[in-house]
C-alpha atoms as a PDB file:
ATOM      1  CA  UNK A   1      -0.223  -0.018  -0.368  1.00  0.00           C
ATOM      2  CA  UNK A   2       2.702   2.397   1.087  1.00  0.00           C
ATOM      3  CA  UNK A   3       6.180   2.905  -1.242  1.00  0.00           C
ATOM      4  CA  UNK A   4       9.330   2.083   0.914  1.00  0.00           C
ATOM      5  CA  UNK A   5       9.981   5.731   0.863  1.00  0.00           C
ATOM      6  CA  UNK A   6       6.839   6.477   2.583  1.00  0.00           C
ATOM      7  CA  UNK A   7       7.450   3.576   5.001  1.00  0.00           C
ATOM      8  CA  UNK A   8      10.689   5.032   5.717  1.00  0.00           C
ATOM      9  CA  UNK A   9       8.913   8.843   6.286  1.00  0.00           C
ATOM     10  CA  UNK A  10       5.998   7.398   8.472  1.00  0.00           C
ATOM     11  CA  UNK A  11       8.210   5.353  10.747  1.00  0.00           C
ATOM     12  CA  UNK A  12      10.888   8.673  11.173  1.00  0.00           C
ATOM     13  CA  UNK A  13       7.799  10.396  11.836  1.00  0.00           C
ATOM     14  CA  UNK A  14       6.146   8.047  14.868  1.00  0.00           C
ATOM     15  CA  UNK A  15       9.648   7.600  16.379  1.00  0.00           C
ATOM     16  CA  UNK A  16      10.164  11.343  16.497  1.00  0.00           C
ATOM     17  CA  UNK A  17       6.565  12.141  17.637  1.00  0.00           C
ATOM     18  CA  UNK A  18       7.257   9.140  20.443  1.00  0.00           C
ATOM     19  CA  UNK A  19      10.265  10.747  21.931  1.00  0.00           C
ATOM     20  CA  UNK A  20       9.332  14.551  21.282  1.00  0.00           C
ATOM     21  CA  UNK A  21       5.351  14.494  21.730  1.00  0.00           C
ATOM     22  CA  UNK A  22       5.867  17.472  19.213  1.00  0.00           C
ATOM     23  CA  UNK A  23       5.109  17.500  15.434  1.00  0.00           C
ATOM     24  CA  UNK A  24       7.558  16.897  13.390  1.00  0.00           C
ATOM     25  CA  UNK A  25       8.695  18.981   9.942  1.00  0.00           C
ATOM     26  CA  UNK A  26      10.218  17.749   7.002  1.00  0.00           C
ATOM     27  CA  UNK A  27      13.659  19.675   7.826  1.00  0.00           C
ATOM     28  CA  UNK A  28      14.202  17.526  11.255  1.00  0.00           C
ATOM     29  CA  UNK A  29      13.459  14.258   9.333  1.00  0.00           C
ATOM     30  CA  UNK A  30      15.786  15.332   6.455  1.00  0.00           C
ATOM     31  CA  UNK A  31      19.112  15.487   9.299  1.00  0.00           C
ATOM     32  CA  UNK A  32      18.390  12.254  10.379  1.00  0.00           C
ATOM     33  CA  UNK A  33      21.289   9.759   9.184  1.00  0.00           C
ATOM     34  CA  UNK A  34      19.008   7.215   8.125  1.00  0.00           C
ATOM     35  CA  UNK A  35      16.885   9.688   5.860  1.00  0.00           C
ATOM     36  CA  UNK A  36      18.622  10.480   2.408  1.00  0.00           C
ATOM     37  CA  UNK A  37      15.485  12.639   0.836  1.00  0.00           C
ATOM     38  CA  UNK A  38      15.579  16.603   0.159  1.00  0.00           C
ATOM     39  CA  UNK A  39      13.140  18.415   2.326  1.00  0.00           C
ATOM     40  CA  UNK A  40      11.162  19.605  -0.677  1.00  0.00           C
ATOM     41  CA  UNK A  41      10.556  15.573  -0.812  1.00  0.00           C
ATOM     42  CA  UNK A  42       9.851  14.998   2.394  1.00  0.00           C
ATOM     43  CA  UNK A  43       7.149  17.303   2.543  1.00  0.00           C
ATOM     44  CA  UNK A  44       5.745  16.131  -0.677  1.00  0.00           C
ATOM     45  CA  UNK A  45       5.388  12.486   0.914  1.00  0.00           C
ATOM     46  CA  UNK A  46       4.334  13.837   4.399  1.00  0.00           C
ATOM     47  CA  UNK A  47       1.113  15.407   1.972  1.00  0.00           C
ATOM     48  CA  UNK A  48       0.237  12.574   0.417  1.00  0.00           C
ATOM     49  CA  UNK A  49       0.526  10.455   3.694  1.00  0.00           C
ATOM     50  CA  UNK A  50      -1.934  12.841   5.194  1.00  0.00           C
ATOM     51  CA  UNK A  51      -3.961  12.359   1.954  1.00  0.00           C
ATOM     52  CA  UNK A  52      -4.209   8.857   2.873  1.00  0.00           C
ATOM     53  CA  UNK A  53      -4.636   8.990   6.336  1.00  0.00           C
ATOM     54  CA  UNK A  54      -1.709   8.118   7.873  1.00  0.00           C
ATOM     55  CA  UNK A  55      -0.924  11.883   9.368  1.00  0.00           C
ATOM     56  CA  UNK A  56      -2.351  14.674  10.809  1.00  0.00           C
ATOM     57  CA  UNK A  57      -1.591  18.305  10.755  1.00  0.00           C
ATOM     58  CA  UNK A  58      -2.645  20.040  14.090  1.00  0.00           C
ATOM     59  CA  UNK A  59      -1.855  23.622  12.763  1.00  0.00           C
ATOM     60  CA  UNK A  60      -1.550  25.315   9.500  1.00  0.00           C
ATOM     61  CA  UNK A  61       2.136  25.807   9.939  1.00  0.00           C
ATOM     62  CA  UNK A  62       3.374  22.857  12.398  1.00  0.00           C
ATOM     63  CA  UNK A  63       4.749  19.716  11.288  1.00  0.00           C
ATOM     64  CA  UNK A  64       2.662  16.557  11.393  1.00  0.00           C
ATOM     65  CA  UNK A  65       1.772  13.734  13.609  1.00  0.00           C
ATOM     66  CA  UNK A  66       0.765  10.100  13.187  1.00  0.00           C
ATOM     67  CA  UNK A  67      -3.088   9.606  13.280  1.00  0.00           C
ATOM     68  CA  UNK A  68      -4.176   6.447  14.743  1.00  0.00           C
ATOM     69  CA  UNK A  69      -4.229   4.781  11.285  1.00  0.00           C
ATOM     70  CA  UNK A  70      -0.713   5.727  11.212  1.00  0.00           C
ATOM     71  CA  UNK A  71      -0.150   4.084  14.527  1.00  0.00           C
ATOM     72  CA  UNK A  72      -1.946   0.814  13.467  1.00  0.00           C
ATOM     73  CA  UNK A  73       0.087   0.860  10.324  1.00  0.00           C
ATOM     74  CA  UNK A  74       3.227   1.327  12.562  1.00  0.00           C
ATOM     75  CA  UNK A  75       2.464  -1.905  14.733  1.00  0.00           C
ATOM     76  CA  UNK A  76       1.237  -3.659  12.339  1.00  0.00           C
ATOM     77  CA  UNK A  77       4.203  -3.210   9.725  1.00  0.00           C
ATOM     78  CA  UNK A  78       7.139  -1.088  11.186  1.00  0.00           C
ATOM     79  CA  UNK A  79       7.489  -2.037  14.558  1.00  0.00           C
ATOM     80  CA  UNK A  80      11.190  -3.506  15.134  1.00  0.00           C
ATOM     81  CA  UNK A  81      10.998  -6.593  16.538  1.00  0.00           C
ATOM     82  CA  UNK A  82      14.115  -7.223  18.638  1.00  0.00           C
ATOM     83  CA  UNK A  83      15.546  -8.563  22.085  1.00  0.00           C
ATOM     84  CA  UNK A  84      14.619  -6.524  25.387  1.00  0.00           C
ATOM     85  CA  UNK A  85      17.539  -4.577  26.580  1.00  0.00           C
ATOM     86  CA  UNK A  86      19.201  -6.691  28.760  1.00  0.00           C
ATOM     87  CA  UNK A  87      19.174  -4.426  32.284  1.00  0.00           C
ATOM     88  CA  UNK A  88      15.295  -4.639  31.851  1.00  0.00           C
ATOM     89  CA  UNK A  89      15.281  -8.229  31.130  1.00  0.00           C
ATOM     90  CA  UNK A  90      17.475  -8.808  34.126  1.00  0.00           C
ATOM     91  CA  UNK A  91      15.057  -6.410  36.090  1.00  0.00           C
ATOM     92  CA  UNK A  92      11.714  -8.760  35.325  1.00  0.00           C
ATOM     93  CA  UNK A  93      13.858 -12.053  35.874  1.00  0.00           C
ATOM     94  CA  UNK A  94      15.351 -10.510  39.341  1.00  0.00           C
ATOM     95  CA  UNK A  95      11.536 -10.305  40.194  1.00  0.00           C
ATOM     96  CA  UNK A  96      10.743 -13.925  39.636  1.00  0.00           C
ATOM     97  CA  UNK A  97      14.061 -14.878  41.165  1.00  0.00           C
ATOM     98  CA  UNK A  98      12.363 -13.549  44.837  1.00  0.00           C
ATOM     99  CA  UNK A  99       9.844 -17.069  44.691  1.00  0.00           C
ATOM    100  CA  UNK A 100       6.960 -14.872  45.972  1.00  0.00           C
ATOM    101  CA  UNK A 101       4.914 -17.702  47.792  1.00  0.00           C
ATOM    102  CA  UNK A 102       1.463 -16.344  46.781  1.00  0.00           C
ATOM    103  CA  UNK A 103      -0.364 -15.324  43.851  1.00  0.00           C
ATOM    104  CA  UNK A 104      -1.391 -12.107  44.861  1.00  0.00           C
ATOM    105  CA  UNK A 105       1.468 -10.699  46.014  1.00  0.00           C
ATOM    106  CA  UNK A 106       2.996 -11.704  42.472  1.00  0.00           C
ATOM    107  CA  UNK A 107       0.612  -9.958  40.431  1.00  0.00           C
ATOM    108  CA  UNK A 108       0.815  -6.396  42.654  1.00  0.00           C
ATOM    109  CA  UNK A 109       4.473  -6.750  42.534  1.00  0.00           C
ATOM    110  CA  UNK A 110       4.697  -7.529  38.487  1.00  0.00           C
ATOM    111  CA  UNK A 111       1.942  -4.428  38.153  1.00  0.00           C
ATOM    112  CA  UNK A 112       4.244  -2.044  40.158  1.00  0.00           C
ATOM    113  CA  UNK A 113       7.310  -3.151  38.009  1.00  0.00           C
ATOM    114  CA  UNK A 114       5.742  -3.059  34.360  1.00  0.00           C
ATOM    115  CA  UNK A 115       4.077   0.898  36.218  1.00  0.00           C
ATOM    116  CA  UNK A 116       7.847   1.608  36.822  1.00  0.00           C
ATOM    117  CA  UNK A 117       9.838   0.197  33.957  1.00  0.00           C
ATOM    118  CA  UNK A 118       7.474   2.253  31.334  1.00  0.00           C
ATOM    119  CA  UNK A 119       6.061   5.340  32.920  1.00  0.00           C
ATOM    120  CA  UNK A 120       2.450   4.180  31.904  1.00  0.00           C
ATOM    121  CA  UNK A 121      -0.665   2.885  34.050  1.00  0.00           C
ATOM    122  CA  UNK A 122      -0.232  -1.110  34.274  1.00  0.00           C
ATOM    123  CA  UNK A 123      -3.268  -3.623  34.439  1.00  0.00           C
ATOM    124  CA  UNK A 124      -3.414  -6.561  35.386  1.00  0.00           C
ATOM    125  CA  UNK A 125      -5.933  -9.351  36.197  1.00  0.00           C
ATOM    126  CA  UNK A 126      -4.726 -12.447  38.250  1.00  0.00           C
ATOM    127  CA  UNK A 127      -5.584 -15.799  37.110  1.00  0.00           C
ATOM    128  CA  UNK A 128      -8.326 -16.119  39.517  1.00  0.00           C
ATOM    129  CA  UNK A 129     -10.311 -13.798  37.743  1.00  0.00           C
ATOM    130  CA  UNK A 130     -10.779 -16.070  34.561  1.00  0.00           C
ATOM    131  CA  UNK A 131      -9.811 -19.487  35.983  1.00  0.00           C
ATOM    132  CA  UNK A 132     -12.497 -19.659  38.977  1.00  0.00           C
ATOM    133  CA  UNK A 133     -15.943 -21.063  38.005  1.00  0.00           C
ATOM    134  CA  UNK A 134     -18.787 -22.457  39.256  1.00  0.00           C
ATOM    135  CA  UNK A 135     -18.960 -25.999  40.485  1.00  0.00           C
ATOM    136  CA  UNK A 136     -22.204 -26.297  42.204  1.00  0.00           C
ATOM    137  CA  UNK A 137     -25.089 -24.546  43.445  1.00  0.00           C
ATOM    138  CA  UNK A 138     -27.761 -24.701  45.984  1.00  0.00           C
ATOM    139  CA  UNK A 139     -30.478 -23.411  47.741  1.00  0.00           C
ATOM    140  CA  UNK A 140     -31.383 -24.558  50.779  1.00  0.00           C
ATOM    141  CA  UNK A 141     -34.704 -23.037  52.677  1.00  0.00           C
ATOM    142  CA  UNK A 142     -34.168 -22.141  56.247  1.00  0.00           C
ATOM    143  CA  UNK A 143     -38.373 -21.167  56.301  1.00  0.00           C
ATOM    144  CA  UNK A 144     -41.039 -20.096  54.218  1.00  0.00           C
ATOM    145  CA  UNK A 145     -39.487 -16.862  53.418  1.00  0.00           C
ATOM    146  CA  UNK A 146     -35.557 -17.213  53.425  1.00  0.00           C
ATOM    147  CA  UNK A 147     -33.131 -19.530  51.872  1.00  0.00           C
ATOM    148  CA  UNK A 148     -29.748 -19.932  51.851  1.00  0.00           C
ATOM    149  CA  UNK A 149     -28.096 -19.744  48.525  1.00  0.00           C
ATOM    150  CA  UNK A 150     -24.569 -21.913  48.090  1.00  0.00           C
ATOM    151  CA  UNK A 151     -22.128 -21.500  45.698  1.00  0.00           C
ATOM    152  CA  UNK A 152     -19.036 -24.634  45.563  1.00  0.00           C
ATOM    153  CA  UNK A 153     -16.125 -22.937  43.162  1.00  0.00           C
ATOM    154  CA  UNK A 154     -13.771 -24.822  40.870  1.00  0.00           C
ATOM    155  CA  UNK A 155     -10.621 -23.614  43.634  1.00  0.00           C
ATOM    156  CA  UNK A 156     -13.213 -25.388  46.906  1.00  0.00           C
ATOM    157  CA  UNK A 157     -14.155 -22.180  47.938  1.00  0.00           C
ATOM    158  CA  UNK A 158     -17.546 -22.160  49.607  1.00  0.00           C
ATOM    159  CA  UNK A 159     -19.648 -19.194  49.291  1.00  0.00           C
ATOM    160  CA  UNK A 160     -23.109 -18.071  50.955  1.00  0.00           C
ATOM    161  CA  UNK A 161     -25.602 -15.923  51.750  1.00  0.00           C
ATOM    162  CA  UNK A 162     -29.121 -15.491  52.842  1.00  0.00           C
ATOM    163  CA  UNK A 163     -32.165 -14.578  50.201  1.00  0.00           C
ATOM    164  CA  UNK A 164     -35.320 -13.876  50.314  1.00  0.00           C
ATOM    165  CA  UNK A 165     -37.767 -16.518  48.750  1.00  0.00           C
ATOM    166  CA  UNK A 166     -40.615 -14.749  46.901  1.00  0.00           C
ATOM    167  CA  UNK A 167     -43.840 -16.050  48.776  1.00  0.00           C
ATOM    168  CA  UNK A 168     -45.552 -17.317  45.048  1.00  0.00           C
ATOM    169  CA  UNK A 169     -42.637 -20.073  44.743  1.00  0.00           C
ATOM    170  CA  UNK A 170     -42.909 -23.382  46.081  1.00  0.00           C
ATOM    171  CA  UNK A 171     -40.362 -25.676  46.997  1.00  0.00           C
ATOM    172  CA  UNK A 172     -41.150 -28.178  43.620  1.00  0.00           C
ATOM    173  CA  UNK A 173     -40.142 -24.868  41.635  1.00  0.00           C
ATOM    174  CA  UNK A 174     -36.762 -24.131  43.419  1.00  0.00           C
ATOM    175  CA  UNK A 175     -35.775 -27.637  42.773  1.00  0.00           C
ATOM    176  CA  UNK A 176     -36.400 -27.031  39.181  1.00  0.00           C
ATOM    177  CA  UNK A 177     -34.444 -23.573  39.263  1.00  0.00           C
ATOM    178  CA  UNK A 178     -31.455 -25.249  41.168  1.00  0.00           C
ATOM    179  CA  UNK A 179     -31.430 -28.096  38.746  1.00  0.00           C
ATOM    180  CA  UNK A 180     -31.456 -25.804  35.710  1.00  0.00           C
ATOM    181  CA  UNK A 181     -28.186 -23.747  36.792  1.00  0.00           C
ATOM    182  CA  UNK A 182     -26.639 -26.511  37.568  1.00  0.00           C
ATOM    183  CA  UNK A 183     -27.326 -28.257  34.299  1.00  0.00           C
ATOM    184  CA  UNK A 184     -26.603 -25.180  32.396  1.00  0.00           C
ATOM    185  CA  UNK A 185     -24.254 -23.083  34.420  1.00  0.00           C
ATOM    186  CA  UNK A 186     -21.303 -25.544  35.852  1.00  0.00           C
ATOM    187  CA  UNK A 187     -17.908 -24.275  34.471  1.00  0.00           C
ATOM    188  CA  UNK A 188     -18.815 -20.844  33.871  1.00  0.00           C
ATOM    189  CA  UNK A 189     -16.643 -18.208  35.237  1.00  0.00           C
ATOM    190  CA  UNK A 190     -17.948 -16.895  38.435  1.00  0.00           C
ATOM    191  CA  UNK A 191     -17.688 -12.835  37.335  1.00  0.00           C
ATOM    192  CA  UNK A 192     -20.023 -14.249  34.274  1.00  0.00           C
ATOM    193  CA  UNK A 193     -22.211 -15.761  35.861  1.00  0.00           C
ATOM    194  CA  UNK A 194     -25.189 -13.093  36.473  1.00  0.00           C
ATOM    195  CA  UNK A 195     -24.889 -12.077  32.590  1.00  0.00           C
ATOM    196  CA  UNK A 196     -25.004 -15.676  31.645  1.00  0.00           C
ATOM    197  CA  UNK A 197     -28.240 -16.146  33.978  1.00  0.00           C
ATOM    198  CA  UNK A 198     -30.196 -13.838  31.914  1.00  0.00           C
ATOM    199  CA  UNK A 199     -28.941 -14.220  28.681  1.00  0.00           C
ATOM    200  CA  UNK A 200     -29.133 -18.085  28.484  1.00  0.00           C
ATOM    201  CA  UNK A 201     -31.241 -18.917  31.131  1.00  0.00           C
ATOM    202  CA  UNK A 202     -33.869 -16.275  31.387  1.00  0.00           C
ATOM    203  CA  UNK A 203     -36.243 -17.466  28.378  1.00  0.00           C
ATOM    204  CA  UNK A 204     -36.268 -21.191  29.575  1.00  0.00           C
ATOM    205  CA  UNK A 205     -37.422 -20.021  33.179  1.00  0.00           C
ATOM    206  CA  UNK A 206     -39.395 -17.426  31.702  1.00  0.00           C
ATOM    207  CA  UNK A 207     -41.510 -20.491  30.165  1.00  0.00           C
ATOM    208  CA  UNK A 208     -41.498 -23.538  32.732  1.00  0.00           C
ATOM    209  CA  UNK A 209     -41.661 -21.032  36.066  1.00  0.00           C
ATOM    210  CA  UNK A 210     -44.317 -18.964  37.682  1.00  0.00           C
ATOM    211  CA  UNK A 211     -43.814 -15.735  38.747  1.00  0.00           C
ATOM    212  CA  UNK A 212     -40.286 -15.512  36.905  1.00  0.00           C
ATOM    213  CA  UNK A 213     -39.460 -11.869  37.695  1.00  0.00           C
ATOM    214  CA  UNK A 214     -39.411 -12.424  41.556  1.00  0.00           C
ATOM    215  CA  UNK A 215     -37.251 -15.339  41.138  1.00  0.00           C
ATOM    216  CA  UNK A 216     -34.582 -14.030  39.099  1.00  0.00           C
ATOM    217  CA  UNK A 217     -34.016 -11.317  41.601  1.00  0.00           C
ATOM    218  CA  UNK A 218     -33.713 -13.556  43.926  1.00  0.00           C
ATOM    219  CA  UNK A 219     -30.956 -15.224  41.872  1.00  0.00           C
ATOM    220  CA  UNK A 220     -29.835 -11.822  41.254  1.00  0.00           C
ATOM    221  CA  UNK A 221     -29.381 -11.379  44.769  1.00  0.00           C
ATOM    222  CA  UNK A 222     -27.806 -15.367  45.321  1.00  0.00           C
ATOM    223  CA  UNK A 223     -25.110 -14.483  42.585  1.00  0.00           C
ATOM    224  CA  UNK A 224     -23.772 -10.758  44.049  1.00  0.00           C
ATOM    225  CA  UNK A 225     -20.089 -11.788  45.300  1.00  0.00           C
ATOM    226  CA  UNK A 226     -19.175 -10.657  48.471  1.00  0.00           C
ATOM    227  CA  UNK A 227     -16.118  -9.198  46.825  1.00  0.00           C
ATOM    228  CA  UNK A 228     -15.092  -8.536  43.114  1.00  0.00           C
ATOM    229  CA  UNK A 229     -12.444  -9.677  41.020  1.00  0.00           C
ATOM    230  CA  UNK A 230      -9.383  -8.277  41.832  1.00  0.00           C
ATOM    231  CA  UNK A 231      -7.708  -6.264  39.388  1.00  0.00           C
ATOM    232  CA  UNK A 232      -4.524  -4.865  39.862  1.00  0.00           C
ATOM    233  CA  UNK A 233      -3.513  -1.154  38.816  1.00  0.00           C
ATOM    234  CA  UNK A 234      -0.044   0.282  39.210  1.00  0.00           C
ATOM    235  CA  UNK A 235       1.057   3.884  37.904  1.00  0.00           C
ATOM    236  CA  UNK A 236      -2.823   5.816  37.124  1.00  0.00           C
ATOM    237  CA  UNK A 237      -1.185   9.065  37.953  1.00  0.00           C
ATOM    238  CA  UNK A 238       1.506   8.535  35.423  1.00  0.00           C
ATOM    239  CA  UNK A 239      -1.357   9.716  32.579  1.00  0.00           C
ATOM    240  CA  UNK A 240      -0.649  13.174  34.319  1.00  0.00           C
ATOM    241  CA  UNK A 241       2.784  13.407  33.348  1.00  0.00           C
ATOM    242  CA  UNK A 242       1.925  12.585  29.457  1.00  0.00           C
ATOM    243  CA  UNK A 243       2.155  16.193  27.557  1.00  0.00           C
ATOM    244  CA  UNK A 244      -1.362  15.029  25.938  1.00  0.00           C
ATOM    245  CA  UNK A 245      -3.160  14.978  29.120  1.00  0.00           C
ATOM    246  CA  UNK A 246      -2.663  18.478  30.514  1.00  0.00           C
ATOM    247  CA  UNK A 247      -6.400  18.740  29.931  1.00  0.00           C
ATOM    248  CA  UNK A 248      -7.573  17.988  33.597  1.00  0.00           C
ATOM    249  CA  UNK A 249     -11.217  16.847  32.383  1.00  0.00           C
ATOM    250  CA  UNK A 250     -10.065  14.169  30.058  1.00  0.00           C
ATOM    251  CA  UNK A 251      -7.526  12.390  33.063  1.00  0.00           C
ATOM    252  CA  UNK A 252     -10.278  13.069  35.125  1.00  0.00           C
ATOM    253  CA  UNK A 253     -12.421  10.543  32.719  1.00  0.00           C
ATOM    254  CA  UNK A 254      -9.576   8.152  32.083  1.00  0.00           C
ATOM    255  CA  UNK A 255      -9.228   7.967  36.068  1.00  0.00           C
ATOM    256  CA  UNK A 256     -12.802   7.335  36.430  1.00  0.00           C
ATOM    257  CA  UNK A 257     -12.600   4.390  33.772  1.00  0.00           C
ATOM    258  CA  UNK A 258      -9.928   2.942  35.409  1.00  0.00           C
ATOM    259  CA  UNK A 259     -11.976   2.540  38.868  1.00  0.00           C
ATOM    260  CA  UNK A 260     -15.072   0.312  36.615  1.00  0.00           C
ATOM    261  CA  UNK A 261     -13.798  -3.534  37.519  1.00  0.00           C
ATOM    262  CA  UNK A 262     -16.391  -4.663  35.160  1.00  0.00           C
ATOM    263  CA  UNK A 263     -15.339  -2.495  32.068  1.00  0.00           C
ATOM    264  CA  UNK A 264     -11.572  -3.688  32.789  1.00  0.00           C
ATOM    265  CA  UNK A 265     -12.408  -7.098  32.619  1.00  0.00           C
ATOM    266  CA  UNK A 266     -13.939  -6.669  29.476  1.00  0.00           C
ATOM    267  CA  UNK A 267     -11.233  -5.069  28.237  1.00  0.00           C
ATOM    268  CA  UNK A 268      -8.441  -7.577  29.315  1.00  0.00           C
ATOM    269  CA  UNK A 269     -10.888 -10.722  28.765  1.00  0.00           C
ATOM    270  CA  UNK A 270      -8.396 -12.645  26.766  1.00  0.00           C
ATOM    271  CA  UNK A 271     -11.744 -14.773  25.704  1.00  0.00           C
ATOM    272  CA  UNK A 272     -13.309 -11.479  23.987  1.00  0.00           C
ATOM    273  CA  UNK A 273      -9.573 -10.406  22.422  1.00  0.00           C
ATOM    274  CA  UNK A 274      -7.648 -13.420  21.969  1.00  0.00           C
ATOM    275  CA  UNK A 275      -4.132 -14.747  23.491  1.00  0.00           C
ATOM    276  CA  UNK A 276      -0.897 -13.321  22.894  1.00  0.00           C
ATOM    277  CA  UNK A 277      -0.024  -9.739  22.315  1.00  0.00           C
ATOM    278  CA  UNK A 278      -2.877  -7.353  21.431  1.00  0.00           C
ATOM    279  CA  UNK A 279      -2.504  -4.076  20.630  1.00  0.00           C
ATOM    280  CA  UNK A 280      -5.607  -1.283  20.497  1.00  0.00           C
ATOM    281  CA  UNK A 281      -5.198   2.147  19.370  1.00  0.00           C
ATOM    282  CA  UNK A 282      -7.461   4.990  20.110  1.00  0.00           C
ATOM    283  CA  UNK A 283     -11.162   4.579  19.235  1.00  0.00           C
ATOM    284  CA  UNK A 284     -10.399   0.912  18.905  1.00  0.00           C
ATOM    285  CA  UNK A 285     -10.777   0.741  22.776  1.00  0.00           C
ATOM    286  CA  UNK A 286     -14.183   1.254  22.091  1.00  0.00           C
ATOM    287  CA  UNK A 287     -14.601   3.646  25.170  1.00  0.00           C
ATOM    288  CA  UNK A 288     -14.419   7.380  24.346  1.00  0.00           C
ATOM    289  CA  UNK A 289     -12.117   8.446  27.310  1.00  0.00           C
ATOM    290  CA  UNK A 290      -9.869   5.973  25.864  1.00  0.00           C
ATOM    291  CA  UNK A 291      -9.842   7.717  22.524  1.00  0.00           C
ATOM    292  CA  UNK A 292      -6.509   9.114  22.802  1.00  0.00           C
ATOM    293  CA  UNK A 293      -5.150   6.067  24.523  1.00  0.00           C
ATOM    294  CA  UNK A 294      -3.252   3.094  23.664  1.00  0.00           C
ATOM    295  CA  UNK A 295      -3.404  -0.103  25.159  1.00  0.00           C
ATOM    296  CA  UNK A 296      -1.134  -3.096  24.747  1.00  0.00           C
ATOM    297  CA  UNK A 297      -2.126  -6.595  26.453  1.00  0.00           C
ATOM    298  CA  UNK A 298      -0.354  -9.927  26.678  1.00  0.00           C
ATOM    299  CA  UNK A 299      -2.020 -13.461  28.025  1.00  0.00           C
ATOM    300  CA  UNK A 300      -0.354 -15.699  30.466  1.00  0.00           C
ATOM    301  CA  UNK A 301      -1.635 -19.194  30.435  1.00  0.00           C
ATOM    302  CA  UNK A 302      -1.933 -22.426  32.827  1.00  0.00           C
ATOM    303  CA  UNK A 303      -1.759 -25.908  30.863  1.00  0.00           C
ATOM    304  CA  UNK A 304      -1.746 -24.154  28.152  1.00  0.00           C
ATOM    305  CA  UNK A 305      -5.144 -22.062  28.669  1.00  0.00           C
ATOM    306  CA  UNK A 306      -4.938 -18.287  28.757  1.00  0.00           C
ATOM    307  CA  UNK A 307      -6.277 -17.580  32.559  1.00  0.00           C
ATOM    308  CA  UNK A 308      -5.130 -13.747  32.771  1.00  0.00           C
ATOM    309  CA  UNK A 309      -3.958 -10.828  30.865  1.00  0.00           C
ATOM    310  CA  UNK A 310      -1.670  -7.615  31.536  1.00  0.00           C
ATOM    311  CA  UNK A 311      -2.225  -4.570  30.103  1.00  0.00           C
ATOM    312  CA  UNK A 312      -0.468  -0.862  29.441  1.00  0.00           C
ATOM    313  CA  UNK A 313      -2.401   1.985  29.052  1.00  0.00           C
ATOM    314  CA  UNK A 314      -0.931   5.270  27.687  1.00  0.00           C
ATOM    315  CA  UNK A 315      -1.093   7.850  25.073  1.00  0.00           C
ATOM    316  CA  UNK A 316      -1.211   6.952  21.263  1.00  0.00           C
ATOM    317  CA  UNK A 317       2.190   7.990  21.168  1.00  0.00           C
ATOM    318  CA  UNK A 318       3.548   5.315  23.146  1.00  0.00           C
ATOM    319  CA  UNK A 319       6.795   3.235  22.535  1.00  0.00           C
ATOM    320  CA  UNK A 320       5.154   0.442  21.462  1.00  0.00           C
ATOM    321  CA  UNK A 321       7.897  -1.506  20.204  1.00  0.00           C
ATOM    322  CA  UNK A 322       9.577  -1.363  23.836  1.00  0.00           C
ATOM    323  CA  UNK A 323       6.060  -2.512  25.375  1.00  0.00           C
ATOM    324  CA  UNK A 324       5.387  -5.118  23.303  1.00  0.00           C
ATOM    325  CA  UNK A 325       8.824  -6.565  24.070  1.00  0.00           C
ATOM    326  CA  UNK A 326       8.809  -5.883  27.863  1.00  0.00           C
ATOM    327  CA  UNK A 327       5.298  -7.524  28.021  1.00  0.00           C
ATOM    328  CA  UNK A 328       6.643 -10.121  25.873  1.00  0.00           C
ATOM    329  CA  UNK A 329       8.620 -11.288  28.734  1.00  0.00           C
ATOM    330  CA  UNK A 330       6.770 -10.784  31.763  1.00  0.00           C
ATOM    331  CA  UNK A 331       3.964 -13.122  30.006  1.00  0.00           C
ATOM    332  CA  UNK A 332       6.469 -15.753  29.641  1.00  0.00           C
ATOM    333  CA  UNK A 333       7.575 -15.461  32.925  1.00  0.00           C
ATOM    334  CA  UNK A 334       4.205 -15.585  34.441  1.00  0.00           C
ATOM    335  CA  UNK A 335       3.277 -18.257  32.807  1.00  0.00           C
ATOM    336  CA  UNK A 336       6.481 -20.360  33.573  1.00  0.00           C
ATOM    337  CA  UNK A 337       6.127 -19.309  37.145  1.00  0.00           C
ATOM    338  CA  UNK A 338       2.544 -20.277  37.543  1.00  0.00           C
ATOM    339  CA  UNK A 339       2.761 -23.504  36.130  1.00  0.00           C
ATOM    340  CA  UNK A 340       4.838 -24.613  38.554  1.00  0.00           C
ATOM    341  CA  UNK A 341       2.927 -23.408  41.027  1.00  0.00           C
ATOM    342  CA  UNK A 342      -0.312 -25.285  39.918  1.00  0.00           C
ATOM    343  CA  UNK A 343       1.671 -28.180  39.168  1.00  0.00           C
END
C-alpha cells in the first residue's frame, strides 16, 4: 500500500513524535542519518501520507503527527522486533527470582514493576478472575420466606448468602431452578454468572417457572459476590505526566474509567480479544475516555489455557516496540512460574 520511501518517512515521524511529543517537520526528518531525501521530497510524501489518512497536521504551519491509522500501520508493519534490553530483562528476571509465595503478591509486584519500567499505567488481572468457575449451586430453605444460597467454586471455595424466597414460589419450583442452573452454568467463570443467567436461562425459566421476575431477582441477589474480582492497577497517575493529558477533565475521565472493574474485565478478557500480544489504538478501545490512548495486552497461561491478562495503558504516542517486548518477557515468565505453582 505504501512505497518504501513512504514507509521510511512514516516510521521516522512516529519515532520522533514518540520521543518529543511535538509535531515533526520535513527538515528535522531530512537531518536524520538514515534518511537520504531532501526536505522538499519529504514534504511531498508527508502531504500524500496525510491525504491517505496516516498523518495529521494539528496546525497549519506545524509539522505532522501520526493518526490512529498511522499508529496502526506502524504497529502492524514497522515495529522492529528485537530482544529486550539486557538490563530490563534482568529487572524482570530478578523479580521472579524472589520466589514470591502467593499469587496475589506476585501480581501486585508485577503491576508495580511494569508501571515503573514504562512510566505508563499497568493493569493486571490475576488468574483467579478467569480461572475460578462454578462447580455447584444449592438453595437450602431455612423457613417459608428465607433460604441460603450456596455457591461452590472450582477452587473449592464455598460462598453462601441469605436470600428472600418470593411467597409465590413453591419448593418444587425452587428444585427445578437449582437443577436447571447446575445443568447450564457448571464451569462458567464466576464473573460471568449473572450475565449468563439472563442471556441463556432467562427465557427457559420464563417458560417453565411462574413468577419469573421475582425469582430472577432472588437469583440476582444469590450471585452477588461478596468481593469483586481483583484488578491490580499501578501507575494510574502516570497519565498526569504525559503532555497529551494536560486537560484535567480528560485525565479525570480516564481515571474514572480505570475504577470500573467490569469495564476492565471486558477490556482484558482473553476470550474476547484473543491470546498473545494485542494492540488497540485510540477508538479501537471502544471507550470515549480512551480515544487518545493505546492499550497493549498480553496473556499468560496455565496448562496451555490463557487464564490472566497484563495490560499497559498510555498515550497513542507510546513506545510500542519496547512495551511489546517487556510484555512478551513478563507474560512468558508468569506462565512458567504459575505453571510450577499449579502442578
